[in-house]
Amino acid sequence: MNERAQEREHGAAMHAAPGDRIVVDGPVLGAPRRDGEVVAVPHADGTPPYEVRWSDTGKVTLFFPGPDAHVHHFLHGSG
């Protein structure tokens, strides 16, 4: 079971950090996905909402993810 399915099954809250990528599946089969970079996370625990810069428009919006959204995490820190 992948991380996204485990979160849905266990009701875990989404977590993200600046630099992570948000991907939102299209609302219907065949509709394009939307993605963007998380640029700010107001809550210290990484829970939503997030400020996201969308790749298709370049605009930054406050985003409250729904069940069709998931996070692609990137390594953070000094590596």
N, C-alpha and C. Protein backbone atom coordinates (compact mmCIF):
# COMPACT_ATOMS: atom_id res chain seq x y z
N MET A 1 0.85 -1.18 0.00
CA MET A 1 0.00 0.00 0.00
C MET A 1 0.90 1.24 0.00
N ASN A 2 0.60 2.19 -0.88
CA ASN A 2 1.43 3.39 -0.94
C ASN A 2 1.08 4.35 0.19
N GLU A 3 1.92 5.38 0.36
CA GLU A 3 1.75 6.34 1.46
C GLU A 3 0.40 7.04 1.39
N ARG A 4 -0.02 7.40 0.20
CA ARG A 4 -1.29 8.11 0.04
C ARG A 4 -2.46 7.23 0.47
N ALA A 5 -2.46 5.98 0.06
CA ALA A 5 -3.53 5.06 0.44
C ALA A 5 -3.53 4.82 1.95
N GLN A 6 -2.35 4.72 2.55
CA GLN A 6 -2.26 4.53 4.00
C GLN A 6 -2.84 5.73 4.73
N GLU A 7 -2.55 6.95 4.26
CA GLU A 7 -3.09 8.15 4.90
C GLU A 7 -4.61 8.17 4.83
N ARG A 8 -5.17 7.81 3.67
CA ARG A 8 -6.63 7.77 3.54
C ARG A 8 -7.22 6.73 4.48
N GLU A 9 -6.60 5.56 4.51
CA GLU A 9 -7.12 4.46 5.32
C GLU A 9 -7.07 4.78 6.81
N HIS A 10 -6.01 5.41 7.25
CA HIS A 10 -5.82 5.68 8.66
C HIS A 10 -6.26 7.08 9.07
N GLY A 11 -6.74 7.88 8.14
CA GLY A 11 -7.22 9.21 8.46
C GLY A 11 -6.12 10.18 8.87
N ALA A 12 -4.91 9.91 8.47
CA ALA A 12 -3.78 10.77 8.84
C ALA A 12 -3.88 12.11 8.12
N ALA A 13 -3.49 13.15 8.80
CA ALA A 13 -3.49 14.49 8.21
C ALA A 13 -2.34 14.62 7.22
N MET A 14 -2.55 15.41 6.20
CA MET A 14 -1.50 15.70 5.24
C MET A 14 -0.46 16.59 5.90
N HIS A 15 0.80 16.38 5.55
CA HIS A 15 1.90 17.21 6.04
C HIS A 15 2.78 17.60 4.86
N ALA A 16 3.26 18.83 4.87
CA ALA A 16 4.14 19.31 3.81
C ALA A 16 5.10 20.33 4.40
N ALA A 17 6.13 20.62 3.62
CA ALA A 17 7.13 21.63 3.99
C ALA A 17 7.43 22.44 2.74
N PRO A 18 7.93 23.66 2.92
CA PRO A 18 8.31 24.44 1.73
C PRO A 18 9.26 23.64 0.84
N GLY A 19 8.99 23.69 -0.45
CA GLY A 19 9.78 22.94 -1.41
C GLY A 19 9.11 21.66 -1.86
N ASP A 20 8.17 21.14 -1.06
CA ASP A 20 7.42 19.96 -1.48
C ASP A 20 6.52 20.32 -2.66
N ARG A 21 6.06 19.32 -3.37
CA ARG A 21 5.18 19.52 -4.52
C ARG A 21 3.81 18.97 -4.18
N ILE A 22 2.79 19.78 -4.45
CA ILE A 22 1.39 19.36 -4.31
C ILE A 22 0.91 18.94 -5.69
N VAL A 23 0.27 17.78 -5.77
CA VAL A 23 -0.33 17.32 -7.02
C VAL A 23 -1.81 17.10 -6.76
N VAL A 24 -2.63 17.67 -7.64
CA VAL A 24 -4.08 17.53 -7.52
C VAL A 24 -4.56 16.79 -8.76
N ASP A 25 -5.17 15.62 -8.54
CA ASP A 25 -5.69 14.84 -9.66
C ASP A 25 -6.86 15.57 -10.30
N GLY A 26 -7.06 15.34 -11.60
CA GLY A 26 -8.18 15.96 -12.30
C GLY A 26 -9.50 15.48 -11.73
N PRO A 27 -10.55 16.30 -11.81
CA PRO A 27 -11.84 15.94 -11.20
C PRO A 27 -12.57 14.80 -11.92
N VAL A 28 -12.22 14.56 -13.17
CA VAL A 28 -12.82 13.47 -13.93
C VAL A 28 -11.72 12.75 -14.70
N LEU A 29 -11.99 11.51 -15.07
CA LEU A 29 -11.03 10.72 -15.83
C LEU A 29 -10.63 11.46 -17.10
N GLY A 30 -9.34 11.57 -17.32
CA GLY A 30 -8.83 12.25 -18.51
C GLY A 30 -8.54 13.72 -18.31
N ALA A 31 -9.03 14.29 -17.21
CA ALA A 31 -8.75 15.71 -16.94
C ALA A 31 -7.30 15.84 -16.48
N PRO A 32 -6.66 16.95 -16.80
CA PRO A 32 -5.26 17.10 -16.42
C PRO A 32 -5.07 17.28 -14.92
N ARG A 33 -3.91 16.84 -14.45
CA ARG A 33 -3.53 17.09 -13.07
C ARG A 33 -3.03 18.52 -12.96
N ARG A 34 -3.06 19.03 -11.75
CA ARG A 34 -2.49 20.35 -11.47
C ARG A 34 -1.43 20.16 -10.41
N ASP A 35 -0.34 20.90 -10.52
CA ASP A 35 0.70 20.77 -9.52
C ASP A 35 1.32 22.12 -9.21
N GLY A 36 1.95 22.18 -8.05
CA GLY A 36 2.60 23.41 -7.65
C GLY A 36 3.57 23.16 -6.51
N GLU A 37 4.38 24.16 -6.25
CA GLU A 37 5.38 24.08 -5.19
C GLU A 37 4.84 24.72 -3.92
N VAL A 38 4.99 24.03 -2.80
CA VAL A 38 4.62 24.60 -1.51
C VAL A 38 5.67 25.67 -1.19
N VAL A 39 5.23 26.92 -1.04
CA VAL A 39 6.17 28.00 -0.75
C VAL A 39 6.09 28.47 0.69
N ALA A 40 4.98 28.14 1.39
CA ALA A 40 4.87 28.51 2.81
C ALA A 40 3.89 27.57 3.49
N VAL A 41 4.22 27.28 4.74
CA VAL A 41 3.38 26.42 5.58
C VAL A 41 3.14 27.17 6.88
N PRO A 42 1.94 27.72 7.09
CA PRO A 42 1.68 28.53 8.27
C PRO A 42 1.76 27.78 9.60
N HIS A 43 1.48 26.47 9.59
CA HIS A 43 1.49 25.70 10.83
C HIS A 43 2.81 24.96 11.01
N ALA A 44 3.38 25.03 12.19
CA ALA A 44 4.67 24.40 12.47
C ALA A 44 4.65 22.89 12.28
N ASP A 45 3.48 22.27 12.42
CA ASP A 45 3.40 20.81 12.27
C ASP A 45 3.23 20.37 10.81
N GLY A 46 3.19 21.33 9.87
CA GLY A 46 3.12 20.99 8.45
C GLY A 46 1.75 20.65 7.93
N THR A 47 0.71 20.91 8.73
CA THR A 47 -0.65 20.63 8.27
C THR A 47 -1.18 21.80 7.44
N PRO A 48 -2.21 21.54 6.62
CA PRO A 48 -2.78 22.59 5.77
C PRO A 48 -3.41 23.70 6.58
N PRO A 49 -3.65 24.83 5.91
CA PRO A 49 -3.49 25.10 4.48
C PRO A 49 -2.05 25.43 4.13
N TYR A 50 -1.80 25.49 2.82
CA TYR A 50 -0.46 25.79 2.30
C TYR A 50 -0.54 26.94 1.31
N GLU A 51 0.53 27.71 1.22
CA GLU A 51 0.66 28.66 0.12
C GLU A 51 1.39 27.92 -0.98
N VAL A 52 0.77 27.86 -2.15
CA VAL A 52 1.28 27.06 -3.27
C VAL A 52 1.46 27.94 -4.49
N ARG A 53 2.62 27.83 -5.15
CA ARG A 53 2.85 28.49 -6.44
C ARG A 53 2.54 27.45 -7.52
N TRP A 54 1.47 27.69 -8.26
CA TRP A 54 1.01 26.73 -9.26
C TRP A 54 1.85 26.80 -10.52
N SER A 55 2.22 25.64 -11.04
CA SER A 55 3.11 25.59 -12.20
C SER A 55 2.43 26.10 -13.47
N ASP A 56 1.10 26.00 -13.55
CA ASP A 56 0.43 26.41 -14.78
C ASP A 56 0.20 27.92 -14.87
N THR A 57 0.15 28.61 -13.73
CA THR A 57 -0.13 30.05 -13.76
C THR A 57 0.98 30.89 -13.13
N GLY A 58 1.80 30.28 -12.27
CA GLY A 58 2.82 31.02 -11.54
C GLY A 58 2.27 31.79 -10.36
N LYS A 59 0.96 31.74 -10.16
CA LYS A 59 0.33 32.47 -9.05
C LYS A 59 0.45 31.69 -7.76
N VAL A 60 0.55 32.42 -6.65
CA VAL A 60 0.58 31.83 -5.32
C VAL A 60 -0.80 31.99 -4.70
N THR A 61 -1.36 30.87 -4.24
CA THR A 61 -2.68 30.91 -3.60
C THR A 61 -2.63 30.13 -2.29
N LEU A 62 -3.59 30.43 -1.42
CA LEU A 62 -3.76 29.65 -0.20
C LEU A 62 -4.57 28.43 -0.59
N PHE A 63 -4.05 27.25 -0.29
CA PHE A 63 -4.63 26.00 -0.77
C PHE A 63 -5.02 25.11 0.40
N PHE A 64 -6.28 24.69 0.41
CA PHE A 64 -6.80 23.73 1.38
C PHE A 64 -7.00 22.42 0.63
N PRO A 65 -6.09 21.45 0.78
CA PRO A 65 -6.17 20.23 -0.04
C PRO A 65 -7.40 19.38 0.29
N GLY A 66 -7.93 18.79 -0.76
CA GLY A 66 -9.04 17.84 -0.63
C GLY A 66 -8.51 16.43 -0.82
N PRO A 67 -9.41 15.46 -0.93
CA PRO A 67 -9.00 14.06 -1.05
C PRO A 67 -8.31 13.73 -2.37
N ASP A 68 -8.40 14.63 -3.35
CA ASP A 68 -7.77 14.40 -4.64
C ASP A 68 -6.34 14.95 -4.70
N ALA A 69 -5.84 15.48 -3.59
CA ALA A 69 -4.50 16.08 -3.54
C ALA A 69 -3.53 15.19 -2.76
N HIS A 70 -2.29 15.21 -3.18
CA HIS A 70 -1.25 14.51 -2.43
C HIS A 70 0.06 15.28 -2.53
N VAL A 71 0.97 14.97 -1.62
CA VAL A 71 2.25 15.69 -1.52
C VAL A 71 3.37 14.78 -1.99
N HIS A 72 4.25 15.34 -2.81
CA HIS A 72 5.52 14.68 -3.15
C HIS A 72 6.57 15.35 -2.29
N HIS A 73 7.09 14.62 -1.32
CA HIS A 73 8.06 15.18 -0.38
C HIS A 73 9.46 15.18 -0.97
N PHE A 74 10.20 16.23 -0.67
CA PHE A 74 11.60 16.33 -1.03
C PHE A 74 12.40 16.32 0.24
N LEU A 75 13.63 15.88 0.16
CA LEU A 75 14.49 15.89 1.35
C LEU A 75 14.76 17.30 1.77
N HIS A 76 14.62 17.56 3.06
CA HIS A 76 14.85 18.88 3.60
C HIS A 76 15.99 18.80 4.60
N GLY A 77 16.66 19.91 4.77
CA GLY A 77 17.75 19.94 5.74
C GLY A 77 19.11 19.97 5.08
N SER A 78 20.13 19.65 5.85
CA SER A 78 21.52 19.80 5.37
C SER A 78 21.98 18.62 4.54
N GLY A 79 21.18 17.55 4.43
CA GLY A 79 21.48 16.42 3.57
C GLY A 79 22.69 15.70 3.92
